[in-house]
Amino acid sequence: METLHPTAPGDNGDERPLLASSRPTLLGNRLFSMIRACADRGTVTWGSRLTPKTQGRKEESSVRTISRRQFLAASTMGAAAATYLMRGGSELRANPLGFPLGCQTWPFRETIGSDFDGTLRRIASDGYQTIEMCSPPGYERYGFGPLASLKGSEMRAKIQAAGLQCESCHFGFTELKEHMDERVAWAHELGLKQMIISTFALPKGATMADWMQAAGDANKLGGRAHEAGIQLGFHNHDFEFQKIDGNLIYDKLMGAFDPAAVKMQFQVEVVRLGYKAADYFEKYPGRFVSIHLSDWSAADPDGKEVPLGQGVVDWKKTFAAARTGGVKNYFLEMEPANMKASLAYVHGLS
């Protein structure tokens, strides 16, 4: 089932969070305990010290004679501990491309407006480090309305208090055309780097001329966003992967968009229609800013959504090509249960 944002979401952050948890794990605790035990037995020398009785003169050496086997054992454990500390446990929290792991907030629309702080904590506890918001005024009818009373700076403080960052947000096309200056000011307060048009929302039966007119309007908005130091993006759905007079709408849009003014956010779910993200990253290098991640079963002709790694998407190829495409971040966007079941697989891709 296609996930359609009738309007749009948003998010941002100036500093990217650490990719690994700073809290010691059981492995770390065991390593330090082993090294401390060696020290207590005298197989590791922590260095000389001066006591009140020995200040002004060198303390007698406390080095004890150790065997070659003891030395090698201590050295091995010390190296293991050092490696663990340098990684910060990143082997457990590593992410593809080295980017913070992100999620779209649309799947949490049922609670985000009524319990923003609690929803943020839930997202952070699942292991996400950054979110993509939806514009509260633009998504007022879809659960985000109560957040419209928050200033961008207040929303940013709440997001950061939960241990998250936000640098991308979805907006409605009409919303931006009618309130661009106001939305840019809010984006600056929130700390956004990217403002994404969620859809053109053109009527069924729109002509290619209608699509080109919308692309021209997006270029103008992108120019204004660029002047404000923000990148405008466009998020695809299935609509753009239909053909008019034998021409794929998506390709026509890529020819009409100003490459600097409007970057693309690729929704991977169009793999259901036979279109692969990696192919487009390679076909249009440098034209993409982010990706929406989801996976789909090949066994279901209607395209059943499944956790990442259990469907038809070649994720290693997708992320390898994402560098060519210019991707700066990515967000999981699926049913919450599938999102949670995808986390271990995503960490394993790095």
C-alpha atoms as a PDB file:
ATOM      1  CA  MET A   1       0.000   0.000   0.000  1.00  0.00           C
ATOM      2  CA  GLU A   2       1.407   3.350  -0.995  1.00  0.00           C
ATOM      3  CA  THR A   3       2.127   5.837   1.769  1.00  0.00           C
ATOM      4  CA  LEU A   4       0.768   9.170   0.588  1.00  0.00           C
ATOM      5  CA  HIS A   5       1.398  12.394   2.445  1.00  0.00           C
ATOM      6  CA  PRO A   6      -1.478  14.654   1.404  1.00  0.00           C
ATOM      7  CA  THR A   7       0.512  17.617   2.673  1.00  0.00           C
ATOM      8  CA  ALA A   8       3.987  17.267   4.151  1.00  0.00           C
ATOM      9  CA  PRO A   9       6.353  16.651   7.148  1.00  0.00           C
ATOM     10  CA  GLY A  10       9.609  18.320   8.412  1.00  0.00           C
ATOM     11  CA  ASP A  11      12.725  18.111  10.741  1.00  0.00           C
ATOM     12  CA  ASN A  12      16.252  19.402  11.406  1.00  0.00           C
ATOM     13  CA  GLY A  13      19.361  19.718  13.471  1.00  0.00           C
ATOM     14  CA  ASP A  14      22.669  21.588  13.328  1.00  0.00           C
ATOM     15  CA  GLU A  15      24.841  18.853  14.769  1.00  0.00           C
ATOM     16  CA  ARG A  16      24.624  15.209  13.898  1.00  0.00           C
ATOM     17  CA  PRO A  17      24.406  12.934  16.938  1.00  0.00           C
ATOM     18  CA  LEU A  18      27.015  10.346  17.751  1.00  0.00           C
ATOM     19  CA  LEU A  19      26.533   7.161  15.775  1.00  0.00           C
ATOM     20  CA  ALA A  20      27.226   4.953  18.768  1.00  0.00           C
ATOM     21  CA  SER A  21      25.934   4.771  22.291  1.00  0.00           C
ATOM     22  CA  SER A  22      28.337   6.128  24.885  1.00  0.00           C
ATOM     23  CA  ARG A  23      27.091   3.811  27.600  1.00  0.00           C
ATOM     24  CA  PRO A  24      29.373   0.837  28.427  1.00  0.00           C
ATOM     25  CA  THR A  25      27.997  -2.515  27.335  1.00  0.00           C
ATOM     26  CA  LEU A  26      28.446  -5.860  29.030  1.00  0.00           C
ATOM     27  CA  LEU A  27      31.413  -6.513  26.737  1.00  0.00           C
ATOM     28  CA  GLY A  28      33.069  -3.267  27.770  1.00  0.00           C
ATOM     29  CA  ASN A  29      32.517  -3.906  31.454  1.00  0.00           C
ATOM     30  CA  ARG A  30      34.047  -7.381  31.170  1.00  0.00           C
ATOM     31  CA  LEU A  31      37.125  -6.075  29.379  1.00  0.00           C
ATOM     32  CA  PHE A  32      37.775  -3.428  32.001  1.00  0.00           C
ATOM     33  CA  SER A  33      37.258  -5.938  34.797  1.00  0.00           C
ATOM     34  CA  MET A  34      39.800  -8.294  33.234  1.00  0.00           C
ATOM     35  CA  ILE A  35      42.376  -5.531  32.854  1.00  0.00           C
ATOM     36  CA  ARG A  36      41.815  -4.340  36.421  1.00  0.00           C
ATOM     37  CA  ALA A  37      42.338  -7.916  37.626  1.00  0.00           C
ATOM     38  CA  CYS A  38      45.664  -8.049  35.792  1.00  0.00           C
ATOM     39  CA  ALA A  39      46.676  -4.795  37.464  1.00  0.00           C
ATOM     40  CA  ASP A  40      45.795  -6.133  40.879  1.00  0.00           C
ATOM     41  CA  ARG A  41      48.029  -9.156  40.193  1.00  0.00           C
ATOM     42  CA  GLY A  42      50.872  -6.852  39.164  1.00  0.00           C
ATOM     43  CA  THR A  43      50.895  -7.869  35.512  1.00  0.00           C
ATOM     44  CA  VAL A  44      50.090  -4.322  34.385  1.00  0.00           C
ATOM     45  CA  THR A  45      51.883  -1.213  35.642  1.00  0.00           C
ATOM     46  CA  TRP A  46      49.684   1.872  35.726  1.00  0.00           C
ATOM     47  CA  GLY A  47      52.644   4.248  36.259  1.00  0.00           C
ATOM     48  CA  SER A  48      54.506   5.774  39.189  1.00  0.00           C
ATOM     49  CA  ARG A  49      52.897   8.143  41.626  1.00  0.00           C
ATOM     50  CA  LEU A  50      54.130  10.599  44.266  1.00  0.00           C
ATOM     51  CA  THR A  51      52.883  10.231  47.836  1.00  0.00           C
ATOM     52  CA  PRO A  52      53.331  12.698  50.686  1.00  0.00           C
ATOM     53  CA  LYS A  53      56.345  10.688  51.849  1.00  0.00           C
ATOM     54  CA  THR A  54      57.990  10.534  48.446  1.00  0.00           C
ATOM     55  CA  GLN A  55      57.327  14.014  47.054  1.00  0.00           C
ATOM     56  CA  GLY A  56      60.555  15.492  45.784  1.00  0.00           C
ATOM     57  CA  ARG A  57      62.161  12.188  45.074  1.00  0.00           C
ATOM     58  CA  LYS A  58      61.413   9.298  42.765  1.00  0.00           C
ATOM     59  CA  GLU A  59      59.279   6.533  44.149  1.00  0.00           C
ATOM     60  CA  GLU A  60      60.843   3.118  44.199  1.00  0.00           C
ATOM     61  CA  SER A  61      59.876   1.182  41.086  1.00  0.00           C
ATOM     62  CA  SER A  62      56.794  -1.001  41.531  1.00  0.00           C
ATOM     63  CA  VAL A  63      57.310  -2.963  38.328  1.00  0.00           C
ATOM     64  CA  ARG A  64      57.089  -6.673  38.855  1.00  0.00           C
ATOM     65  CA  THR A  65      58.581  -9.325  36.666  1.00  0.00           C
ATOM     66  CA  ILE A  66      55.979 -10.956  34.431  1.00  0.00           C
ATOM     67  CA  SER A  67      56.132 -13.839  32.052  1.00  0.00           C
ATOM     68  CA  ARG A  68      55.928 -13.490  28.268  1.00  0.00           C
ATOM     69  CA  ARG A  69      52.544 -15.241  28.345  1.00  0.00           C
ATOM     70  CA  GLN A  70      51.213 -12.803  30.953  1.00  0.00           C
ATOM     71  CA  PHE A  71      52.492  -9.837  28.964  1.00  0.00           C
ATOM     72  CA  LEU A  72      50.845 -11.045  25.759  1.00  0.00           C
ATOM     73  CA  ALA A  73      47.576 -11.717  27.542  1.00  0.00           C
ATOM     74  CA  ALA A  74      47.515  -8.280  29.124  1.00  0.00           C
ATOM     75  CA  SER A  75      48.475  -6.611  25.844  1.00  0.00           C
ATOM     76  CA  THR A  76      45.720  -8.440  23.961  1.00  0.00           C
ATOM     77  CA  MET A  77      43.076  -7.410  26.475  1.00  0.00           C
ATOM     78  CA  GLY A  78      44.338  -3.845  26.482  1.00  0.00           C
ATOM     79  CA  ALA A  79      44.157  -3.682  22.696  1.00  0.00           C
ATOM     80  CA  ALA A  80      40.649  -5.089  22.750  1.00  0.00           C
ATOM     81  CA  ALA A  81      39.544  -2.500  25.274  1.00  0.00           C
ATOM     82  CA  ALA A  82      41.140   0.314  23.284  1.00  0.00           C
ATOM     83  CA  THR A  83      39.439  -0.838  20.108  1.00  0.00           C
ATOM     84  CA  TYR A  84      36.121  -1.031  21.897  1.00  0.00           C
ATOM     85  CA  LEU A  85      36.486   2.495  23.243  1.00  0.00           C
ATOM     86  CA  MET A  86      37.499   3.933  19.882  1.00  0.00           C
ATOM     87  CA  ARG A  87      34.483   2.349  18.257  1.00  0.00           C
ATOM     88  CA  GLY A  88      32.239   3.470  21.090  1.00  0.00           C
ATOM     89  CA  GLY A  89      30.235   0.309  20.619  1.00  0.00           C
ATOM     90  CA  SER A  90      29.632   1.273  16.998  1.00  0.00           C
ATOM     91  CA  GLU A  91      29.607  -2.342  15.925  1.00  0.00           C
ATOM     92  CA  LEU A  92      26.208  -2.477  17.592  1.00  0.00           C
ATOM     93  CA  ARG A  93      24.911   0.829  16.201  1.00  0.00           C
ATOM     94  CA  ALA A  94      26.712   1.313  12.869  1.00  0.00           C
ATOM     95  CA  ASN A  95      24.620   2.689  10.015  1.00  0.00           C
ATOM     96  CA  PRO A  96      24.938   2.676   6.206  1.00  0.00           C
ATOM     97  CA  LEU A  97      26.960   5.576   4.761  1.00  0.00           C
ATOM     98  CA  GLY A  98      27.862   6.622   8.308  1.00  0.00           C
ATOM     99  CA  PHE A  99      24.682   8.734   8.522  1.00  0.00           C
ATOM    100  CA  PRO A 100      22.429   8.963  11.582  1.00  0.00           C
ATOM    101  CA  LEU A 101      19.583   6.467  11.411  1.00  0.00           C
ATOM    102  CA  GLY A 102      16.388   8.372  10.679  1.00  0.00           C
ATOM    103  CA  CYS A 103      12.667   7.808  10.459  1.00  0.00           C
ATOM    104  CA  GLN A 104       9.715   9.710   9.055  1.00  0.00           C
ATOM    105  CA  THR A 105       7.190  10.819  11.652  1.00  0.00           C
ATOM    106  CA  TRP A 106       4.157  10.092   9.431  1.00  0.00           C
ATOM    107  CA  PRO A 107       3.867   6.495  10.755  1.00  0.00           C
ATOM    108  CA  PHE A 108       3.472   7.972  14.267  1.00  0.00           C
ATOM    109  CA  ARG A 109       0.716  10.426  13.310  1.00  0.00           C
ATOM    110  CA  GLU A 110      -1.824   8.828  15.664  1.00  0.00           C
ATOM    111  CA  THR A 111       0.141   9.842  18.777  1.00  0.00           C
ATOM    112  CA  ILE A 112       2.543  12.593  17.763  1.00  0.00           C
ATOM    113  CA  GLY A 113       0.029  15.413  18.168  1.00  0.00           C
ATOM    114  CA  SER A 114      -1.458  14.271  21.465  1.00  0.00           C
ATOM    115  CA  ASP A 115       1.821  13.098  23.058  1.00  0.00           C
ATOM    116  CA  PHE A 116       4.728  14.688  21.242  1.00  0.00           C
ATOM    117  CA  ASP A 117       7.284  14.152  24.013  1.00  0.00           C
ATOM    118  CA  GLY A 118       6.266  10.538  24.551  1.00  0.00           C
ATOM    119  CA  THR A 119       6.329   9.773  20.834  1.00  0.00           C
ATOM    120  CA  LEU A 120       9.806  11.270  20.535  1.00  0.00           C
ATOM    121  CA  ARG A 121      11.034   9.149  23.436  1.00  0.00           C
ATOM    122  CA  ARG A 122       9.541   6.064  21.815  1.00  0.00           C
ATOM    123  CA  ILE A 123      11.313   6.843  18.534  1.00  0.00           C
ATOM    124  CA  ALA A 124      14.622   7.430  20.305  1.00  0.00           C
ATOM    125  CA  SER A 125      14.282   4.241  22.365  1.00  0.00           C
ATOM    126  CA  ASP A 126      13.902   2.252  19.152  1.00  0.00           C
ATOM    127  CA  GLY A 127      17.381   3.433  18.167  1.00  0.00           C
ATOM    128  CA  TYR A 128      16.663   6.298  15.779  1.00  0.00           C
ATOM    129  CA  GLN A 129      18.918   9.326  15.902  1.00  0.00           C
ATOM    130  CA  THR A 130      17.166  11.757  13.602  1.00  0.00           C
ATOM    131  CA  ILE A 131      13.600  12.337  12.432  1.00  0.00           C
ATOM    132  CA  GLU A 132      11.887  13.911   9.475  1.00  0.00           C
ATOM    133  CA  MET A 133       8.948  16.009  10.642  1.00  0.00           C
ATOM    134  CA  CYS A 134       5.697  16.975   8.950  1.00  0.00           C
ATOM    135  CA  SER A 135       4.658  20.616   8.883  1.00  0.00           C
ATOM    136  CA  PRO A 136       2.003  20.982  11.608  1.00  0.00           C
ATOM    137  CA  PRO A 137      -0.107  23.533   9.684  1.00  0.00           C
ATOM    138  CA  GLY A 138       0.157  21.505   6.486  1.00  0.00           C
ATOM    139  CA  TYR A 139      -0.657  18.236   8.233  1.00  0.00           C
ATOM    140  CA  GLU A 140      -3.232  19.689  10.590  1.00  0.00           C
ATOM    141  CA  ARG A 141      -5.893  17.164   9.540  1.00  0.00           C
ATOM    142  CA  TYR A 142      -3.539  14.211   9.853  1.00  0.00           C
ATOM    143  CA  GLY A 143      -2.575  14.312  13.522  1.00  0.00           C
ATOM    144  CA  PHE A 144       0.028  17.080  13.533  1.00  0.00           C
ATOM    145  CA  GLY A 145      -2.340  20.000  14.135  1.00  0.00           C
ATOM    146  CA  PRO A 146      -1.781  20.321  17.909  1.00  0.00           C
ATOM    147  CA  LEU A 147       1.922  20.969  17.245  1.00  0.00           C
ATOM    148  CA  ALA A 148       1.156  24.138  15.279  1.00  0.00           C
ATOM    149  CA  SER A 149       1.136  26.085  18.548  1.00  0.00           C
ATOM    150  CA  LEU A 150       4.825  25.323  19.086  1.00  0.00           C
ATOM    151  CA  LYS A 151       7.442  27.724  17.842  1.00  0.00           C
ATOM    152  CA  GLY A 152      10.141  26.133  15.735  1.00  0.00           C
ATOM    153  CA  SER A 153      12.644  26.739  18.525  1.00  0.00           C
ATOM    154  CA  GLU A 154      10.344  25.062  21.069  1.00  0.00           C
ATOM    155  CA  MET A 155       9.877  22.031  18.863  1.00  0.00           C
ATOM    156  CA  ARG A 156      13.612  21.832  18.324  1.00  0.00           C
ATOM    157  CA  ALA A 157      14.243  21.879  22.082  1.00  0.00           C
ATOM    158  CA  LYS A 158      11.815  19.005  22.616  1.00  0.00           C
ATOM    159  CA  ILE A 159      13.366  16.966  19.824  1.00  0.00           C
ATOM    160  CA  GLN A 160      16.861  17.473  21.180  1.00  0.00           C
ATOM    161  CA  ALA A 161      15.724  16.729  24.735  1.00  0.00           C
ATOM    162  CA  ALA A 162      14.656  13.301  23.480  1.00  0.00           C
ATOM    163  CA  GLY A 163      18.159  12.748  22.093  1.00  0.00           C
ATOM    164  CA  LEU A 164      17.118  13.265  18.469  1.00  0.00           C
ATOM    165  CA  GLN A 165      17.937  15.676  15.666  1.00  0.00           C
ATOM    166  CA  CYS A 166      15.780  17.015  12.850  1.00  0.00           C
ATOM    167  CA  GLU A 167      17.033  18.550   9.621  1.00  0.00           C
ATOM    168  CA  SER A 168      14.309  17.640   7.136  1.00  0.00           C
ATOM    169  CA  CYS A 169      10.559  18.261   6.978  1.00  0.00           C
ATOM    170  CA  HIS A 170       7.694  17.622   4.560  1.00  0.00           C
ATOM    171  CA  PHE A 171       5.456  20.486   3.461  1.00  0.00           C
ATOM    172  CA  GLY A 172       2.397  20.741   1.272  1.00  0.00           C
ATOM    173  CA  PHE A 173       2.940  22.317  -2.146  1.00  0.00           C
ATOM    174  CA  THR A 174       0.092  24.813  -1.762  1.00  0.00           C
ATOM    175  CA  GLU A 175       1.281  25.551   1.754  1.00  0.00           C
ATOM    176  CA  LEU A 176       4.674  26.635   0.451  1.00  0.00           C
ATOM    177  CA  LYS A 177       3.279  28.623  -2.447  1.00  0.00           C
ATOM    178  CA  GLU A 178       1.026  30.590  -0.106  1.00  0.00           C
ATOM    179  CA  HIS A 179       3.215  30.860   3.030  1.00  0.00           C
ATOM    180  CA  MET A 180       6.817  30.417   1.903  1.00  0.00           C
ATOM    181  CA  ASP A 181       8.375  33.217   3.970  1.00  0.00           C
ATOM    182  CA  GLU A 182       6.573  32.082   7.117  1.00  0.00           C
ATOM    183  CA  ARG A 183       7.570  28.447   6.596  1.00  0.00           C
ATOM    184  CA  VAL A 184      11.205  29.363   5.922  1.00  0.00           C
ATOM    185  CA  ALA A 185      11.313  31.378   9.157  1.00  0.00           C
ATOM    186  CA  TRP A 186       9.881  28.392  11.062  1.00  0.00           C
ATOM    187  CA  ALA A 187      12.381  26.085   9.329  1.00  0.00           C
ATOM    188  CA  HIS A 188      15.258  28.255  10.514  1.00  0.00           C
ATOM    189  CA  GLU A 189      13.980  28.121  14.093  1.00  0.00           C
ATOM    190  CA  LEU A 190      13.670  24.357  13.910  1.00  0.00           C
ATOM    191  CA  GLY A 191      17.136  24.106  12.375  1.00  0.00           C
ATOM    192  CA  LEU A 192      16.088  22.548   9.091  1.00  0.00           C
ATOM    193  CA  LYS A 193      18.502  22.037   6.235  1.00  0.00           C
ATOM    194  CA  GLN A 194      15.925  20.527   3.891  1.00  0.00           C
ATOM    195  CA  MET A 195      12.328  21.419   3.076  1.00  0.00           C
ATOM    196  CA  ILE A 196      10.615  18.666   1.101  1.00  0.00           C
ATOM    197  CA  ILE A 197       7.555  19.073  -1.123  1.00  0.00           C
ATOM    198  CA  SER A 198       5.542  15.978  -0.253  1.00  0.00           C
ATOM    199  CA  THR A 199       3.534  15.924  -3.479  1.00  0.00           C
ATOM    200  CA  PHE A 200       2.206  18.275  -6.149  1.00  0.00           C
ATOM    201  CA  ALA A 201      -1.273  16.850  -5.444  1.00  0.00           C
ATOM    202  CA  LEU A 202      -2.281  17.213  -9.077  1.00  0.00           C
ATOM    203  CA  PRO A 203      -5.712  15.879 -10.008  1.00  0.00           C
ATOM    204  CA  LYS A 204      -6.170  12.565 -11.757  1.00  0.00           C
ATOM    205  CA  GLY A 205      -5.860  13.100 -15.475  1.00  0.00           C
ATOM    206  CA  ALA A 206      -3.333  15.942 -15.142  1.00  0.00           C
ATOM    207  CA  THR A 207      -1.490  16.592 -18.391  1.00  0.00           C
ATOM    208  CA  MET A 208       2.253  16.768 -18.864  1.00  0.00           C
ATOM    209  CA  ALA A 209       1.839  20.527 -19.172  1.00  0.00           C
ATOM    210  CA  ASP A 210       0.320  20.531 -15.670  1.00  0.00           C
ATOM    211  CA  TRP A 211       3.322  18.646 -14.348  1.00  0.00           C
ATOM    212  CA  MET A 212       5.734  21.046 -16.045  1.00  0.00           C
ATOM    213  CA  GLN A 213       3.885  24.052 -14.638  1.00  0.00           C
ATOM    214  CA  ALA A 214       4.195  22.574 -11.142  1.00  0.00           C
ATOM    215  CA  ALA A 215       7.907  21.935 -11.726  1.00  0.00           C
ATOM    216  CA  GLY A 216       8.367  25.575 -12.725  1.00  0.00           C
ATOM    217  CA  ASP A 217       6.620  26.728  -9.547  1.00  0.00           C
ATOM    218  CA  ALA A 218       8.845  24.393  -7.509  1.00  0.00           C
ATOM    219  CA  ASN A 219      11.952  25.911  -9.112  1.00  0.00           C
ATOM    220  CA  LYS A 220      10.849  29.345  -7.923  1.00  0.00           C
ATOM    221  CA  LEU A 221      10.282  28.060  -4.400  1.00  0.00           C
ATOM    222  CA  GLY A 222      13.639  26.296  -4.535  1.00  0.00           C
ATOM    223  CA  GLY A 223      15.353  29.530  -5.464  1.00  0.00           C
ATOM    224  CA  ARG A 224      13.848  31.274  -2.466  1.00  0.00           C
ATOM    225  CA  ALA A 225      14.794  28.415  -0.168  1.00  0.00           C
ATOM    226  CA  HIS A 226      18.340  28.460  -1.547  1.00  0.00           C
ATOM    227  CA  GLU A 227      18.652  32.162  -0.789  1.00  0.00           C
ATOM    228  CA  ALA A 228      17.659  31.341   2.792  1.00  0.00           C
ATOM    229  CA  GLY A 229      20.317  28.624   3.027  1.00  0.00           C
ATOM    230  CA  ILE A 230      17.887  25.707   2.837  1.00  0.00           C
ATOM    231  CA  GLN A 231      17.667  22.962   0.209  1.00  0.00           C
ATOM    232  CA  LEU A 232      14.248  22.334  -1.312  1.00  0.00           C
ATOM    233  CA  GLY A 233      13.423  18.744  -2.249  1.00  0.00           C
ATOM    234  CA  PHE A 234      10.644  16.825  -3.987  1.00  0.00           C
ATOM    235  CA  HIS A 235       9.253  13.513  -2.736  1.00  0.00           C
ATOM    236  CA  ASN A 236       7.911  11.055  -5.298  1.00  0.00           C
ATOM    237  CA  HIS A 237       4.979   8.682  -5.065  1.00  0.00           C
ATOM    238  CA  ASP A 238       3.616   6.276  -7.665  1.00  0.00           C
ATOM    239  CA  PHE A 239       2.145   9.155  -9.687  1.00  0.00           C
ATOM    240  CA  GLU A 240       5.498  10.242 -11.093  1.00  0.00           C
ATOM    241  CA  PHE A 241       6.186   6.731 -12.381  1.00  0.00           C
ATOM    242  CA  GLN A 242       3.296   6.763 -14.778  1.00  0.00           C
ATOM    243  CA  LYS A 243       3.628   7.611 -18.453  1.00  0.00           C
ATOM    244  CA  ILE A 244       1.909  10.269 -20.529  1.00  0.00           C
ATOM    245  CA  ASP A 245       2.194   9.829 -24.298  1.00  0.00           C
ATOM    246  CA  GLY A 246       4.998   7.324 -23.737  1.00  0.00           C
ATOM    247  CA  ASN A 247       7.022   9.659 -21.496  1.00  0.00           C
ATOM    248  CA  LEU A 248       7.746   8.780 -17.877  1.00  0.00           C
ATOM    249  CA  ILE A 249       6.650  11.718 -15.733  1.00  0.00           C
ATOM    250  CA  TYR A 250       9.618  11.301 -13.362  1.00  0.00           C
ATOM    251  CA  ASP A 251      12.146  11.659 -16.172  1.00  0.00           C
ATOM    252  CA  LYS A 252      10.347  14.712 -17.512  1.00  0.00           C
ATOM    253  CA  LEU A 253      10.442  16.278 -14.054  1.00  0.00           C
ATOM    254  CA  MET A 254      14.166  15.608 -13.787  1.00  0.00           C
ATOM    255  CA  GLY A 255      14.599  17.521 -17.009  1.00  0.00           C
ATOM    256  CA  ALA A 256      12.438  20.406 -15.802  1.00  0.00           C
ATOM    257  CA  PHE A 257      13.743  20.852 -12.253  1.00  0.00           C
ATOM    258  CA  ASP A 258      16.650  23.223 -11.675  1.00  0.00           C
ATOM    259  CA  PRO A 259      19.301  20.780 -10.326  1.00  0.00           C
ATOM    260  CA  ALA A 260      20.475  23.303  -7.733  1.00  0.00           C
ATOM    261  CA  ALA A 261      17.056  24.574  -6.669  1.00  0.00           C
ATOM    262  CA  VAL A 262      15.232  21.245  -6.327  1.00  0.00           C
ATOM    263  CA  LYS A 263      16.830  17.999  -5.188  1.00  0.00           C
ATOM    264  CA  MET A 264      14.958  14.705  -5.048  1.00  0.00           C
ATOM    265  CA  GLN A 265      13.865  12.546  -2.151  1.00  0.00           C
ATOM    266  CA  PHE A 266      13.494   9.042  -3.565  1.00  0.00           C
ATOM    267  CA  GLN A 267      10.773   6.816  -2.165  1.00  0.00           C
ATOM    268  CA  VAL A 268      12.103   3.303  -2.634  1.00  0.00           C
ATOM    269  CA  GLU A 269       8.654   1.696  -2.597  1.00  0.00           C
ATOM    270  CA  VAL A 270       8.245   2.310  -6.344  1.00  0.00           C
ATOM    271  CA  VAL A 271      10.272  -0.878  -6.693  1.00  0.00           C
ATOM    272  CA  ARG A 272       6.776  -2.427  -6.648  1.00  0.00           C
ATOM    273  CA  LEU A 273       6.312  -0.873 -10.071  1.00  0.00           C
ATOM    274  CA  GLY A 274       9.666  -2.100 -11.352  1.00  0.00           C
ATOM    275  CA  TYR A 275      11.694   1.075 -10.723  1.00  0.00           C
ATOM    276  CA  LYS A 276      14.853   0.737  -8.633  1.00  0.00           C
ATOM    277  CA  ALA A 277      16.365   3.551  -6.596  1.00  0.00           C
ATOM    278  CA  ALA A 278      19.931   2.563  -7.479  1.00  0.00           C
ATOM    279  CA  ASP A 279      19.205   2.951 -11.191  1.00  0.00           C
ATOM    280  CA  TYR A 280      18.067   6.536 -10.678  1.00  0.00           C
ATOM    281  CA  PHE A 281      20.943   7.453  -8.376  1.00  0.00           C
ATOM    282  CA  GLU A 282      23.306   6.371 -11.141  1.00  0.00           C
ATOM    283  CA  LYS A 283      21.262   7.934 -13.935  1.00  0.00           C
ATOM    284  CA  TYR A 284      21.043  11.321 -12.202  1.00  0.00           C
ATOM    285  CA  PRO A 285      24.234  11.721 -10.120  1.00  0.00           C
ATOM    286  CA  GLY A 286      24.189  14.438  -7.495  1.00  0.00           C
ATOM    287  CA  ARG A 287      20.469  15.131  -7.903  1.00  0.00           C
ATOM    288  CA  PHE A 288      19.229  13.497  -4.676  1.00  0.00           C
ATOM    289  CA  VAL A 289      19.154  14.680  -1.090  1.00  0.00           C
ATOM    290  CA  SER A 290      17.533  11.787   0.796  1.00  0.00           C
ATOM    291  CA  ILE A 291      15.753   8.421   0.638  1.00  0.00           C
ATOM    292  CA  HIS A 292      12.626   6.929   2.168  1.00  0.00           C
ATOM    293  CA  LEU A 293      13.279   3.293   2.986  1.00  0.00           C
ATOM    294  CA  SER A 294      10.766   0.443   2.735  1.00  0.00           C
ATOM    295  CA  ASP A 295      10.788  -3.073   1.332  1.00  0.00           C
ATOM    296  CA  TRP A 296       8.249  -5.173  -0.538  1.00  0.00           C
ATOM    297  CA  SER A 297       7.591  -8.862  -0.974  1.00  0.00           C
ATOM    298  CA  ALA A 298       8.084 -10.379  -4.417  1.00  0.00           C
ATOM    299  CA  ALA A 299       5.656 -13.169  -3.531  1.00  0.00           C
ATOM    300  CA  ASP A 300       2.703 -10.796  -3.240  1.00  0.00           C
ATOM    301  CA  PRO A 301       1.460  -9.444  -6.583  1.00  0.00           C
ATOM    302  CA  ASP A 302      -0.069  -6.456  -4.787  1.00  0.00           C
ATOM    303  CA  GLY A 303       3.243  -5.557  -3.161  1.00  0.00           C
ATOM    304  CA  LYS A 304       3.043  -6.479   0.518  1.00  0.00           C
ATOM    305  CA  GLU A 305       5.256  -4.333   2.744  1.00  0.00           C
ATOM    306  CA  VAL A 306       7.849  -6.323   4.700  1.00  0.00           C
ATOM    307  CA  PRO A 307      10.803  -5.434   6.976  1.00  0.00           C
ATOM    308  CA  LEU A 308      13.983  -4.332   5.225  1.00  0.00           C
ATOM    309  CA  GLY A 309      16.005  -7.258   3.956  1.00  0.00           C
ATOM    310  CA  GLN A 310      12.989  -9.528   3.554  1.00  0.00           C
ATOM    311  CA  GLY A 311      11.826  -8.086   0.245  1.00  0.00           C
ATOM    312  CA  VAL A 312      13.029  -7.429  -3.279  1.00  0.00           C
ATOM    313  CA  VAL A 313      15.250  -4.366  -2.714  1.00  0.00           C
ATOM    314  CA  ASP A 314      19.005  -4.874  -3.114  1.00  0.00           C
ATOM    315  CA  TRP A 315      20.014  -2.672  -0.213  1.00  0.00           C
ATOM    316  CA  LYS A 316      23.771  -2.981  -0.601  1.00  0.00           C
ATOM    317  CA  LYS A 317      23.504  -1.812  -4.185  1.00  0.00           C
ATOM    318  CA  THR A 318      21.057   0.914  -3.207  1.00  0.00           C
ATOM    319  CA  PHE A 319      23.327   2.415  -0.564  1.00  0.00           C
ATOM    320  CA  ALA A 320      26.407   2.098  -2.770  1.00  0.00           C
ATOM    321  CA  ALA A 321      24.640   4.029  -5.519  1.00  0.00           C
ATOM    322  CA  ALA A 322      23.272   6.562  -3.010  1.00  0.00           C
ATOM    323  CA  ARG A 323      26.720   8.124  -2.746  1.00  0.00           C
ATOM    324  CA  THR A 324      26.679   8.747  -6.490  1.00  0.00           C
ATOM    325  CA  GLY A 325      23.201  10.191  -6.184  1.00  0.00           C
ATOM    326  CA  GLY A 326      24.358  12.713  -3.577  1.00  0.00           C
ATOM    327  CA  VAL A 327      22.143  11.414  -0.754  1.00  0.00           C
ATOM    328  CA  LYS A 328      22.648  13.213   2.568  1.00  0.00           C
ATOM    329  CA  ASN A 329      20.264  11.266   4.813  1.00  0.00           C
ATOM    330  CA  TYR A 330      17.651   8.521   4.845  1.00  0.00           C
ATOM    331  CA  PHE A 331      14.468   7.788   6.743  1.00  0.00           C
ATOM    332  CA  LEU A 332      12.588   4.563   7.363  1.00  0.00           C
ATOM    333  CA  GLU A 333       8.900   4.939   6.562  1.00  0.00           C
ATOM    334  CA  MET A 334       6.777   1.857   7.024  1.00  0.00           C
ATOM    335  CA  GLU A 335       4.247   0.446   9.402  1.00  0.00           C
ATOM    336  CA  PRO A 336       5.807   0.839  12.888  1.00  0.00           C
ATOM    337  CA  ALA A 337       6.097  -2.944  13.427  1.00  0.00           C
ATOM    338  CA  ASN A 338       8.021  -3.349  10.157  1.00  0.00           C
ATOM    339  CA  MET A 339      10.216  -0.387  11.011  1.00  0.00           C
ATOM    340  CA  LYS A 340      11.209  -1.905  14.330  1.00  0.00           C
ATOM    341  CA  ALA A 341      11.852  -5.296  12.705  1.00  0.00           C
ATOM    342  CA  SER A 342      14.155  -3.592  10.166  1.00  0.00           C
ATOM    343  CA  LEU A 343      16.623  -1.987  12.598  1.00  0.00           C
ATOM    344  CA  ALA A 344      18.991  -4.928  13.091  1.00  0.00           C
ATOM    345  CA  TYR A 345      19.217  -5.436   9.340  1.00  0.00           C
ATOM    346  CA  VAL A 346      20.007  -1.765   8.706  1.00  0.00           C
ATOM    347  CA  HIS A 347      22.803  -1.775  11.297  1.00  0.00           C
ATOM    348  CA  GLY A 348      24.242  -4.874   9.629  1.00  0.00           C
ATOM    349  CA  LEU A 349      24.519  -3.139   6.265  1.00  0.00           C
ATOM    350  CA  SER A 350      27.315  -0.777   7.306  1.00  0.00           C
END
